[in-house]
């Protein structure tokens, strides 16, 4: 395209082209450039092979063309950008620096040679040389930082793949095929150790499972590369972006490649926390050397999808386990404890009935307690469905109602007091408070023989402070003796990232609980 532009400009304004050799030079370059373009259009191997020779030809040709038209004042001076840009895109900053140094030297040398042919404008030479130096430094800087860049995909597309419920390997392969424009591909993973690799294979015929009993890639230095099995070619780019050529048979297992259906395509290493293997894509239109770096990013993306799926699965398993434990704890602290108290009441009613006493009122009272417990369970389910905070005053009222029912159930005086009821607490914490109250009352009566329990609630500096004090038998051994902390209470407090302290002495026991309301600790 630049050659055509040069020629058109010279024909439109032939005055600067004082020698017929300029036209011959331009035509020769046009023929050369067209031949290279045709030969390398769909041949990534030849494109990589001819990169350096054509780069040198470009540098020499543009120098000759620029100085064949008006010398160092040529209007085509800016076309020195082409070799610099080509070096930046193709290789690393080192090759860009070498190209820049060569072009600056060529320009200064040519300017010196033509200096004696006419009026020499030193200022113009200095200005243009400075422009060339500045441009070179910018492109070198770009080349230095290019190795830190990464290819990113659209977040919504990536997240859509991560949220798929399909097999993670199949989803990852489909994602890689879509962004690479590959009609066929396979993801081979080593999940069982040894040399066996298997995974999904997607083609126009659908999805199937591919298996090979030996590693596909033999040379670990080829982490991402282009492969042409029929022509026995393999090409990769090293970290410094230098091309490395090899025979395909030296890099991959040819029989394994033919087994999965590979003829010409891209192979990239895939690693995740649990799997390792290879992503293989073929049938890509316009396959070029740029796909080597692109393949590395695809391999990382596929590994990220596999890791994300493994993490989500682990979280789901953990969440299910925590849910089971939470439900078991809640059932124990509410229904089981209520049934234990009801069983004690039934035994008392049986003894009263045997002695001939009228127990109708006691049965009515037990029935009332059962109905209230039913309402309590309904309220518990309703609270789980709520997704808002609760005023502490409302929470205290609910706890007082629960304390009254627990007092009737266990024949104990239970009083709930709050120092400040203007704060708000999460719904989940309200459920914990109810179960903590149930467990504390049950433990005080069953293990300490208490007939009075005082509950104090306060909010201070984002912490909910809860105190249960009873007049039970307590423990021997002095203040803050902890013979055995209440397991259910301790588990619930620890799950809420709180702390529990048990102070006991003969005749009294106090359980102090602190629960964070917000922030990282909560």
Protein backbone atom coordinates (compact mmCIF):
# COMPACT_ATOMS: atom_id res chain seq x y z
CA UNK A 1 0.00 0.00 0.00
CA UNK A 2 2.84 2.42 0.77
CA UNK A 3 4.56 1.46 -2.46
CA UNK A 4 1.41 2.28 -4.43
CA UNK A 5 1.12 5.59 -2.56
CA UNK A 6 4.75 6.45 -3.37
CA UNK A 7 4.26 5.67 -7.03
CA UNK A 8 0.99 7.60 -7.29
CA UNK A 9 2.53 10.66 -5.63
CA UNK A 10 5.50 10.55 -7.98
CA UNK A 11 3.29 10.26 -11.07
CA UNK A 12 0.99 13.08 -9.97
CA UNK A 13 3.92 15.39 -9.22
CA UNK A 14 6.83 14.07 -11.30
CA UNK A 15 9.08 17.03 -10.66
CA UNK A 16 10.73 15.59 -7.53
CA UNK A 17 11.46 12.33 -9.32
CA UNK A 18 14.28 13.54 -11.53
CA UNK A 19 15.64 10.10 -12.24
CA UNK A 20 13.92 7.23 -13.97
CA UNK A 21 15.62 4.94 -11.45
CA UNK A 22 13.06 6.13 -8.85
CA UNK A 23 10.21 4.69 -10.91
CA UNK A 24 12.12 1.47 -11.45
CA UNK A 25 12.79 1.25 -7.70
CA UNK A 26 9.15 1.79 -6.86
CA UNK A 27 7.93 -0.75 -9.41
CA UNK A 28 10.46 -3.31 -8.20
CA UNK A 29 9.35 -2.81 -4.63
CA UNK A 30 5.68 -3.13 -5.63
CA UNK A 31 6.37 -6.45 -7.32
CA UNK A 32 8.38 -7.67 -4.32
CA UNK A 33 5.78 -6.58 -1.77
CA UNK A 34 2.91 -8.11 -3.77
CA UNK A 35 4.74 -11.41 -4.11
CA UNK A 36 5.43 -11.55 -0.36
CA UNK A 37 1.81 -10.69 0.46
CA UNK A 38 0.47 -13.42 -1.84
CA UNK A 39 2.93 -16.03 -0.60
CA UNK A 40 2.30 -15.40 3.11
CA UNK A 41 -1.42 -14.55 3.03
CA UNK A 42 -2.47 -17.90 4.53
CA UNK A 43 0.93 -19.36 5.34
CA UNK A 44 1.93 -18.59 8.93
CA UNK A 45 5.10 -20.64 8.61
CA UNK A 46 6.44 -18.67 5.63
CA UNK A 47 5.27 -15.42 7.21
CA UNK A 48 7.42 -16.09 10.26
CA UNK A 49 10.34 -17.29 8.13
CA UNK A 50 10.35 -14.19 5.93
CA UNK A 51 9.79 -11.70 8.73
CA UNK A 52 13.45 -10.75 9.23
CA UNK A 53 14.55 -10.75 5.56
CA UNK A 54 11.58 -8.64 4.45
CA UNK A 55 12.15 -6.31 7.39
CA UNK A 56 15.71 -5.65 6.24
CA UNK A 57 14.53 -5.14 2.66
CA UNK A 58 11.88 -2.66 3.87
CA UNK A 59 14.46 -0.64 5.77
CA UNK A 60 16.82 -0.45 2.80
CA UNK A 61 14.08 0.18 0.28
CA UNK A 62 12.41 3.00 2.19
CA UNK A 63 15.73 4.69 2.79
CA UNK A 64 16.50 4.54 -0.90
CA UNK A 65 13.03 5.75 -1.91
CA UNK A 66 12.95 8.60 0.60
CA UNK A 67 16.36 9.94 -0.44
CA UNK A 68 15.73 9.44 -4.14
CA UNK A 69 13.06 12.15 -3.88
CA UNK A 70 14.38 15.51 -2.60
CA UNK A 71 16.99 13.86 -0.37
CA UNK A 72 16.74 14.57 3.34
CA UNK A 73 13.85 17.03 2.65
CA UNK A 74 11.73 14.29 1.09
CA UNK A 75 8.00 14.58 1.87
CA UNK A 76 7.94 10.80 2.44
CA UNK A 77 10.11 11.00 5.56
CA UNK A 78 7.29 9.84 7.87
CA UNK A 79 7.13 6.48 6.10
CA UNK A 80 10.11 5.46 8.23
CA UNK A 81 7.34 4.65 10.72
CA UNK A 82 6.55 1.41 8.86
CA UNK A 83 9.73 -0.54 9.76
CA UNK A 84 9.58 0.75 13.33
CA UNK A 85 5.95 -0.27 13.77
CA UNK A 86 6.58 -3.65 12.17
CA UNK A 87 9.44 -4.37 14.56
CA UNK A 88 7.32 -3.35 17.55
CA UNK A 89 4.44 -5.62 16.55
CA UNK A 90 6.54 -8.59 15.45
CA UNK A 91 9.27 -8.76 18.06
CA UNK A 92 10.40 -7.32 21.37
CA UNK A 93 11.76 -3.91 22.32
CA UNK A 94 15.30 -5.07 21.56
CA UNK A 95 14.53 -5.59 17.87
CA UNK A 96 12.65 -2.28 17.87
CA UNK A 97 15.71 -0.54 19.32
CA UNK A 98 18.01 -2.14 16.73
CA UNK A 99 15.64 -1.09 13.95
CA UNK A 100 15.48 2.46 15.29
CA UNK A 101 19.25 2.70 15.56
CA UNK A 102 19.71 1.40 12.02
CA UNK A 103 17.13 3.80 10.57
CA UNK A 104 18.62 6.80 12.36
CA UNK A 105 22.09 5.83 11.15
CA UNK A 106 20.83 5.35 7.60
CA UNK A 107 19.08 8.72 7.63
CA UNK A 108 22.11 10.59 8.96
CA UNK A 109 24.46 8.80 6.56
CA UNK A 110 22.24 9.54 3.57
CA UNK A 111 21.85 13.15 4.68
CA UNK A 112 25.62 13.48 4.89
CA UNK A 113 26.06 12.02 1.42
CA UNK A 114 23.63 14.48 -0.16
CA UNK A 115 24.83 17.44 1.89
CA UNK A 116 27.27 18.55 -0.78
CA UNK A 117 24.82 18.37 -3.69
CA UNK A 118 23.06 21.67 -2.91
CA UNK A 119 21.88 23.92 -0.16
CA UNK A 120 22.15 21.99 3.05
CA UNK A 121 19.62 22.79 5.81
CA UNK A 122 21.17 21.62 9.04
CA UNK A 123 18.18 22.67 11.10
CA UNK A 124 15.80 20.47 9.10
CA UNK A 125 18.11 17.49 9.43
CA UNK A 126 18.35 17.99 13.21
CA UNK A 127 14.57 18.41 13.59
CA UNK A 128 13.80 15.33 11.52
CA UNK A 129 16.45 13.30 13.30
CA UNK A 130 14.93 14.38 16.62
CA UNK A 131 11.47 13.33 15.45
CA UNK A 132 12.83 9.94 14.46
CA UNK A 133 14.55 9.53 17.84
CA UNK A 134 11.42 10.49 19.78
CA UNK A 135 9.25 8.16 17.73
CA UNK A 136 11.77 5.38 18.25
CA UNK A 137 11.81 5.90 22.02
CA UNK A 138 8.01 5.79 22.17
CA UNK A 139 7.84 2.52 20.24
CA UNK A 140 10.68 1.03 22.31
CA UNK A 141 8.77 1.96 25.48
CA UNK A 142 5.69 0.29 24.03
CA UNK A 143 7.71 -2.82 23.26
CA UNK A 144 9.13 -2.95 26.80
CA UNK A 145 5.67 -2.83 28.34
CA UNK A 146 4.04 -5.06 25.75
CA UNK A 147 5.14 -8.18 27.62
CA UNK A 148 3.09 -7.05 30.63
CA UNK A 149 -0.12 -6.77 28.64
CA UNK A 150 -2.81 -9.42 28.62
CA UNK A 151 -5.64 -10.23 26.30
CA UNK A 152 -8.96 -9.71 28.07
CA UNK A 153 -12.36 -10.91 27.01
CA UNK A 154 -15.73 -9.30 27.62
CA UNK A 155 -16.66 -9.71 31.28
CA UNK A 156 -20.29 -10.54 30.60
CA UNK A 157 -19.31 -13.26 28.14
CA UNK A 158 -16.72 -14.69 30.52
CA UNK A 159 -19.11 -14.64 33.48
CA UNK A 160 -21.84 -16.21 31.35
CA UNK A 161 -19.55 -19.14 30.69
CA UNK A 162 -18.59 -19.41 34.34
CA UNK A 163 -22.25 -19.51 35.31
CA UNK A 164 -23.03 -22.35 32.93
CA UNK A 165 -24.43 -25.52 34.47
CA UNK A 166 -22.83 -27.68 31.78
CA UNK A 167 -19.72 -29.76 32.20
CA UNK A 168 -16.93 -27.25 33.03
CA UNK A 169 -14.53 -28.75 30.48
CA UNK A 170 -17.12 -28.54 27.74
CA UNK A 171 -18.05 -24.97 28.70
CA UNK A 172 -14.39 -23.91 28.76
CA UNK A 173 -13.73 -25.51 25.36
CA UNK A 174 -16.81 -23.90 23.81
CA UNK A 175 -15.70 -20.52 25.18
CA UNK A 176 -12.19 -20.89 23.72
CA UNK A 177 -13.57 -21.99 20.34
CA UNK A 178 -15.93 -19.02 20.21
CA UNK A 179 -13.36 -16.32 20.94
CA UNK A 180 -10.77 -17.93 18.62
CA UNK A 181 -13.24 -18.53 15.79
CA UNK A 182 -12.41 -22.24 15.67
CA UNK A 183 -15.05 -24.65 14.31
CA UNK A 184 -13.48 -27.64 16.07
CA UNK A 185 -11.45 -28.30 19.17
CA UNK A 186 -10.64 -30.63 22.02
CA UNK A 187 -9.66 -30.13 25.66
CA UNK A 188 -7.41 -32.94 26.90
CA UNK A 189 -6.93 -33.04 30.69
CA UNK A 190 -4.91 -35.36 32.90
CA UNK A 191 -7.22 -35.93 35.87
CA UNK A 192 -6.20 -39.37 37.08
CA UNK A 193 -2.42 -39.14 36.87
CA UNK A 194 -0.25 -41.20 34.58
CA UNK A 195 -0.25 -40.61 30.84
CA UNK A 196 -3.98 -40.77 30.19
CA UNK A 197 -5.61 -37.60 28.84
CA UNK A 198 -9.29 -37.18 28.10
CA UNK A 199 -11.88 -34.48 27.68
CA UNK A 200 -14.61 -33.04 25.46
CA UNK A 201 -14.19 -32.82 21.69
CA UNK A 202 -16.49 -30.45 19.81
CA UNK A 203 -16.89 -30.52 16.04
CA UNK A 204 -19.68 -29.99 13.54
CA UNK A 205 -20.85 -33.51 14.37
CA UNK A 206 -21.51 -32.58 18.00
CA UNK A 207 -19.87 -33.22 21.36
CA UNK A 208 -18.03 -36.40 22.20
CA UNK A 209 -15.27 -37.55 24.53
CA UNK A 210 -11.71 -37.86 23.25
CA UNK A 211 -9.07 -40.01 24.93
CA UNK A 212 -5.38 -40.58 24.35
CA UNK A 213 -3.09 -42.82 26.37
CA UNK A 214 0.06 -40.73 26.05
CA UNK A 215 1.01 -37.05 26.32
CA UNK A 216 0.21 -35.03 23.22
CA UNK A 217 3.12 -32.57 23.58
CA UNK A 218 6.66 -33.82 23.98
CA UNK A 219 8.60 -30.56 24.33
CA UNK A 220 7.60 -28.56 27.44
CA UNK A 221 9.20 -25.42 25.97
CA UNK A 222 6.29 -25.27 23.50
CA UNK A 223 3.57 -24.05 25.89
CA UNK A 224 1.60 -22.45 23.05
CA UNK A 225 2.35 -23.02 19.38
CA UNK A 226 1.04 -23.46 15.87
CA UNK A 227 1.22 -26.91 14.37
CA UNK A 228 0.92 -28.22 10.80
CA UNK A 229 0.88 -32.00 10.92
CA UNK A 230 0.81 -32.73 7.15
CA UNK A 231 3.82 -30.44 6.54
CA UNK A 232 5.58 -31.46 9.79
CA UNK A 233 5.89 -27.89 11.09
CA UNK A 234 5.66 -26.33 14.52
CA UNK A 235 6.17 -22.68 15.48
CA UNK A 236 6.15 -20.91 18.82
CA UNK A 237 7.18 -17.55 20.24
CA UNK A 238 9.51 -17.42 23.17
CA UNK A 239 8.90 -14.93 26.04
CA UNK A 240 11.10 -12.36 24.29
CA UNK A 241 8.87 -12.82 21.21
CA UNK A 242 11.49 -14.53 19.09
CA UNK A 243 10.17 -17.19 16.77
CA UNK A 244 11.28 -20.78 17.28
CA UNK A 245 10.85 -23.28 14.47
CA UNK A 246 10.75 -27.06 14.81
CA UNK A 247 9.50 -30.19 13.16
CA UNK A 248 6.05 -31.16 14.37
CA UNK A 249 7.20 -34.71 15.04
CA UNK A 250 9.76 -33.35 17.52
CA UNK A 251 7.17 -31.37 19.46
CA UNK A 252 4.01 -33.52 19.46
CA UNK A 253 2.99 -37.15 19.19
CA UNK A 254 1.86 -37.34 15.55
CA UNK A 255 -0.28 -40.45 16.09
CA UNK A 256 -2.08 -38.84 19.04
CA UNK A 257 -2.65 -35.67 16.98
CA UNK A 258 -4.20 -37.68 14.15
CA UNK A 259 -6.27 -39.62 16.64
CA UNK A 260 -8.02 -36.46 17.87
CA UNK A 261 -8.39 -35.12 14.31
CA UNK A 262 -5.74 -32.36 14.32
CA UNK A 263 -4.17 -31.36 11.02
CA UNK A 264 -3.31 -27.64 11.33
CA UNK A 265 -4.16 -25.52 14.32
CA UNK A 266 -3.31 -24.02 17.70
CA UNK A 267 -2.19 -25.94 20.79
CA UNK A 268 -1.97 -24.24 24.21
CA UNK A 269 -1.12 -25.55 27.66
CA UNK A 270 -3.88 -25.50 30.29
CA UNK A 271 -3.23 -25.57 34.02
CA UNK A 272 -5.63 -25.29 36.93
CA UNK A 273 -5.49 -26.12 40.60
CA UNK A 274 -6.62 -29.69 39.97
CA UNK A 275 -6.01 -30.42 36.26
CA UNK A 276 -3.41 -29.94 33.56
CA UNK A 277 -3.51 -30.64 29.87
CA UNK A 278 -3.84 -29.11 26.43
CA UNK A 279 -6.31 -26.99 24.52
CA UNK A 280 -6.30 -27.88 20.81
CA UNK A 281 -8.16 -25.79 18.22
CA UNK A 282 -8.18 -26.32 14.47
CA UNK A 283 -9.94 -25.01 11.39
CA UNK A 284 -9.17 -21.39 12.38
CA UNK A 285 -9.46 -19.02 9.44
CA UNK A 286 -6.50 -16.66 8.92
CA UNK A 287 -4.29 -18.52 11.38
CA UNK A 288 -1.17 -16.44 12.02
CA UNK A 289 1.79 -16.10 14.35
CA UNK A 290 -0.23 -13.73 16.54
CA UNK A 291 -2.31 -16.71 17.66
CA UNK A 292 0.65 -18.01 19.68
CA UNK A 293 0.33 -15.23 22.27
CA UNK A 294 -3.45 -15.42 21.96
CA UNK A 295 -3.27 -19.15 22.67
CA UNK A 296 -1.40 -18.57 25.93
CA UNK A 297 -4.21 -16.30 27.09
CA UNK A 298 -6.83 -18.83 26.01
CA UNK A 299 -5.03 -21.49 28.03
CA UNK A 300 -5.07 -19.23 31.10
CA UNK A 301 -8.76 -18.44 30.56
CA UNK A 302 -9.66 -22.12 30.29
CA UNK A 303 -7.69 -22.84 33.48
CA UNK A 304 -9.52 -19.97 35.20
CA UNK A 305 -12.89 -21.42 34.19
CA UNK A 306 -11.92 -24.84 35.56
CA UNK A 307 -10.63 -23.27 38.79
CA UNK A 308 -13.77 -21.17 39.16
CA UNK A 309 -15.99 -24.22 38.71
CA UNK A 310 -13.96 -26.19 41.27
CA UNK A 311 -14.18 -23.26 43.71
CA UNK A 312 -17.93 -22.83 43.22
CA UNK A 313 -18.45 -26.57 43.72
CA UNK A 314 -16.42 -26.49 46.92
CA UNK A 315 -18.37 -23.47 48.15
CA UNK A 316 -21.67 -25.17 47.36
CA UNK A 317 -20.61 -28.32 49.22
CA UNK A 318 -19.43 -26.24 52.18
CA UNK A 319 -22.61 -24.15 52.15
CA UNK A 320 -24.75 -27.29 52.07
CA UNK A 321 -22.79 -28.73 55.00
CA UNK A 322 -23.12 -25.47 56.96
CA UNK A 323 -26.82 -25.35 56.18
CA UNK A 324 -27.29 -28.88 57.48
CA UNK A 325 -25.39 -28.03 60.66
CA UNK A 326 -27.35 -24.81 61.07
CA UNK A 327 -30.70 -26.55 60.64
CA UNK A 328 -29.64 -29.32 63.02
CA UNK A 329 -28.57 -26.74 65.59
CA UNK A 330 -31.76 -24.74 65.19
CA UNK A 331 -33.95 -27.81 65.49
CA UNK A 332 -32.04 -28.89 68.59
CA UNK A 333 -32.23 -25.47 70.20
CA UNK A 334 -35.93 -24.99 69.49
CA UNK A 335 -38.03 -28.04 68.76
CA UNK A 336 -35.94 -30.61 70.63
CA UNK A 337 -35.61 -28.42 73.70
CA UNK A 338 -39.34 -27.65 73.65
CA UNK A 339 -40.20 -31.34 73.33
CA UNK A 340 -37.88 -32.10 76.25
CA UNK A 341 -39.72 -29.56 78.38
CA UNK A 342 -43.07 -30.88 77.17
CA UNK A 343 -42.03 -34.42 78.10
CA UNK A 344 -41.26 -33.24 81.64
CA UNK A 345 -44.69 -31.57 81.84
CA UNK A 346 -46.39 -34.74 80.58
CA UNK A 347 -44.65 -36.84 83.22
CA UNK A 348 -45.83 -34.40 85.87
CA UNK A 349 -49.39 -34.56 84.50
CA UNK A 350 -49.28 -38.39 84.53
CA UNK A 351 -48.22 -38.43 88.16
CA UNK A 352 -50.97 -35.96 89.02
CA UNK A 353 -53.55 -38.07 87.17
CA UNK A 354 -52.48 -41.21 89.04
CA UNK A 355 -52.98 -39.42 92.33
CA UNK A 356 -56.56 -38.61 91.28
CA UNK A 357 -56.05 -34.90 90.76
CA UNK A 358 -57.93 -33.08 87.98
CA UNK A 359 -55.39 -32.41 85.22
CA UNK A 360 -57.70 -30.80 82.65
CA UNK A 361 -56.29 -27.30 83.26
CA UNK A 362 -52.72 -28.59 82.97
CA UNK A 363 -53.54 -30.35 79.70
CA UNK A 364 -55.11 -27.13 78.40
CA UNK A 365 -51.96 -25.28 79.41
CA UNK A 366 -49.78 -27.83 77.59
CA UNK A 367 -52.00 -27.54 74.54
CA UNK A 368 -51.57 -23.78 74.64
CA UNK A 369 -47.81 -24.19 74.78
CA UNK A 370 -47.92 -26.52 71.75
CA UNK A 371 -49.92 -23.97 69.78
CA UNK A 372 -47.52 -21.21 70.78
CA UNK A 373 -44.57 -23.35 69.73
CA UNK A 374 -46.25 -23.93 66.40
CA UNK A 375 -46.59 -20.16 66.00
CA UNK A 376 -42.96 -19.79 67.00
CA UNK A 377 -41.86 -22.20 64.27
CA UNK A 378 -43.96 -20.30 61.74
CA UNK A 379 -42.32 -17.07 62.90
CA UNK A 380 -38.91 -18.70 62.58
CA UNK A 381 -39.63 -19.66 58.96
CA UNK A 382 -41.01 -16.19 58.23
CA UNK A 383 -37.89 -14.58 59.70
CA UNK A 384 -35.67 -16.71 57.45
CA UNK A 385 -37.53 -15.31 54.46
CA UNK A 386 -37.07 -11.71 55.54
CA UNK A 387 -34.04 -9.82 54.17
CA UNK A 388 -34.00 -6.71 56.33
CA UNK A 389 -32.74 -5.53 59.67
CA UNK A 390 -34.82 -5.56 62.83
CA UNK A 391 -35.09 -2.85 65.45
CA UNK A 392 -33.62 -4.00 68.74
CA UNK A 393 -36.80 -2.90 70.55
CA UNK A 394 -38.87 -5.21 68.33
CA UNK A 395 -36.35 -7.98 68.89
CA UNK A 396 -36.53 -7.55 72.67
CA UNK A 397 -40.35 -7.73 72.60
CA UNK A 398 -40.16 -11.01 70.69
CA UNK A 399 -37.59 -12.32 73.17
CA UNK A 400 -39.81 -11.34 76.12
CA UNK A 401 -42.69 -13.25 74.60
CA UNK A 402 -40.40 -16.24 74.11
CA UNK A 403 -39.08 -15.87 77.69
CA UNK A 404 -42.63 -16.01 79.04
CA UNK A 405 -43.38 -19.19 77.12
CA UNK A 406 -40.08 -20.73 78.24
CA UNK A 407 -40.86 -19.77 81.82
CA UNK A 408 -44.21 -21.54 81.63
CA UNK A 409 -42.63 -24.52 79.91
CA UNK A 410 -39.76 -24.97 82.40
CA UNK A 411 -41.50 -23.50 85.46
CA UNK A 412 -38.86 -20.80 85.83
CA UNK A 413 -38.96 -17.02 86.13
CA UNK A 414 -37.29 -15.50 83.04
CA UNK A 415 -36.88 -11.75 82.67
CA UNK A 416 -35.44 -9.93 79.62
CA UNK A 417 -34.09 -6.39 79.99
CA UNK A 418 -32.55 -4.05 77.39
CA UNK A 419 -30.41 -1.00 78.19
CA UNK A 420 -30.85 0.56 74.75
CA UNK A 421 -33.41 -0.58 72.19
CA UNK A 422 -32.79 2.04 69.48
CA UNK A 423 -30.18 0.06 67.54
CA UNK A 424 -30.84 -2.35 64.67
CA UNK A 425 -29.71 -5.95 64.32
CA UNK A 426 -29.71 -8.38 61.36
CA UNK A 427 -32.57 -10.86 61.08
CA UNK A 428 -30.11 -13.76 61.24
CA UNK A 429 -28.85 -12.47 64.58
CA UNK A 430 -32.39 -12.29 65.92
CA UNK A 431 -32.81 -15.98 65.18
CA UNK A 432 -29.54 -16.66 66.99
CA UNK A 433 -30.75 -14.68 70.00
CA UNK A 434 -33.92 -16.73 70.21
CA UNK A 435 -32.03 -20.01 70.07
CA UNK A 436 -29.41 -18.78 72.53
CA UNK A 437 -32.23 -17.92 74.97
CA UNK A 438 -33.85 -21.32 74.53
CA UNK A 439 -30.58 -23.16 75.09
CA UNK A 440 -29.54 -21.01 78.05
CA UNK A 441 -32.88 -21.52 79.84
CA UNK A 442 -32.89 -25.26 79.15
CA UNK A 443 -29.31 -25.67 80.41
CA UNK A 444 -29.94 -23.57 83.54
CA UNK A 445 -32.97 -25.65 84.53
CA UNK A 446 -31.81 -29.11 83.50
CA UNK A 447 -28.18 -28.89 84.64
CA UNK A 448 -28.25 -26.24 87.34
CA UNK A 449 -31.75 -26.57 88.79
CA UNK A 450 -32.29 -22.81 88.46
CA UNK A 451 -35.70 -21.21 89.05
CA UNK A 452 -34.75 -17.71 87.93
CA UNK A 453 -32.89 -16.41 84.84
CA UNK A 454 -32.13 -12.75 84.12
CA UNK A 455 -31.26 -11.77 80.55
CA UNK A 456 -29.57 -8.41 79.80
CA UNK A 457 -29.16 -7.07 76.23
CA UNK A 458 -27.16 -4.02 75.16
CA UNK A 459 -25.50 -2.64 72.02
CA UNK A 460 -22.16 -0.91 72.44
CA UNK A 461 -19.72 0.17 69.67
CA UNK A 462 -21.24 -2.14 67.05
CA UNK A 463 -21.24 -5.15 69.39
CA UNK A 464 -24.32 -6.84 70.82
CA UNK A 465 -23.67 -7.85 74.43
CA UNK A 466 -25.85 -10.57 75.91
CA UNK A 467 -25.81 -11.86 79.47
CA UNK A 468 -27.63 -14.88 80.98
CA UNK A 469 -27.48 -15.03 84.80
CA UNK A 470 -29.18 -17.81 86.76
CA UNK A 471 -29.40 -18.86 90.39
CA UNK A 472 -28.61 -22.52 89.76
CA UNK A 473 -26.16 -24.73 91.59
CA UNK A 474 -23.19 -23.52 89.57
CA UNK A 475 -19.80 -25.23 89.48
CA UNK A 476 -17.13 -25.76 92.07
CA UNK A 477 -13.65 -24.50 91.36
CA UNK A 478 -13.76 -20.74 91.62
CA UNK A 479 -14.55 -17.81 89.44
CA UNK A 480 -14.51 -18.29 85.67
CA UNK A 481 -14.18 -22.02 86.04
CA UNK A 482 -15.04 -23.59 82.70
CA UNK A 483 -15.53 -27.32 83.28
CA UNK A 484 -17.45 -27.73 80.06
CA UNK A 485 -18.76 -24.89 77.93
CA UNK A 486 -22.28 -25.40 76.51
CA UNK A 487 -21.50 -26.89 73.12
CA UNK A 488 -24.60 -25.70 71.29
CA UNK A 489 -24.22 -22.18 72.63
CA UNK A 490 -20.51 -22.12 71.77
CA UNK A 491 -21.05 -23.37 68.21
CA UNK A 492 -23.72 -20.79 67.51
CA UNK A 493 -21.64 -17.94 68.94
CA UNK A 494 -18.53 -19.01 67.01
CA UNK A 495 -20.54 -19.23 63.78
CA UNK A 496 -21.54 -15.58 64.34
CA UNK A 497 -17.84 -14.73 64.95
CA UNK A 498 -18.60 -13.80 68.54
CA UNK A 499 -17.13 -14.70 71.90
CA UNK A 500 -18.52 -16.54 74.94
CA UNK A 501 -17.41 -16.47 78.57
CA UNK A 502 -18.74 -18.69 81.37
CA UNK A 503 -18.46 -17.42 84.97
CA UNK A 504 -19.66 -19.84 87.60
CA UNK A 505 -19.57 -20.24 91.34
CA UNK A 506 -21.77 -22.16 93.76
CA UNK A 507 -25.24 -20.63 93.60
CA UNK A 508 -24.91 -18.70 90.33
CA UNK A 509 -23.79 -19.00 86.75
CA UNK A 510 -23.37 -16.18 84.22
CA UNK A 511 -22.87 -16.64 80.50
CA UNK A 512 -21.63 -13.51 78.67
CA UNK A 513 -21.85 -13.37 74.89
CA UNK A 514 -20.55 -10.70 72.49
CA UNK A 515 -21.69 -10.68 68.84
CA UNK A 516 -20.45 -8.22 66.17
CA UNK A 517 -23.19 -6.45 64.24
CA UNK A 518 -21.35 -5.32 61.10
CA UNK A 519 -18.01 -5.15 59.33
CA UNK A 520 -15.42 -7.82 58.61
CA UNK A 521 -15.80 -9.39 62.04
CA UNK A 522 -19.52 -9.95 61.43
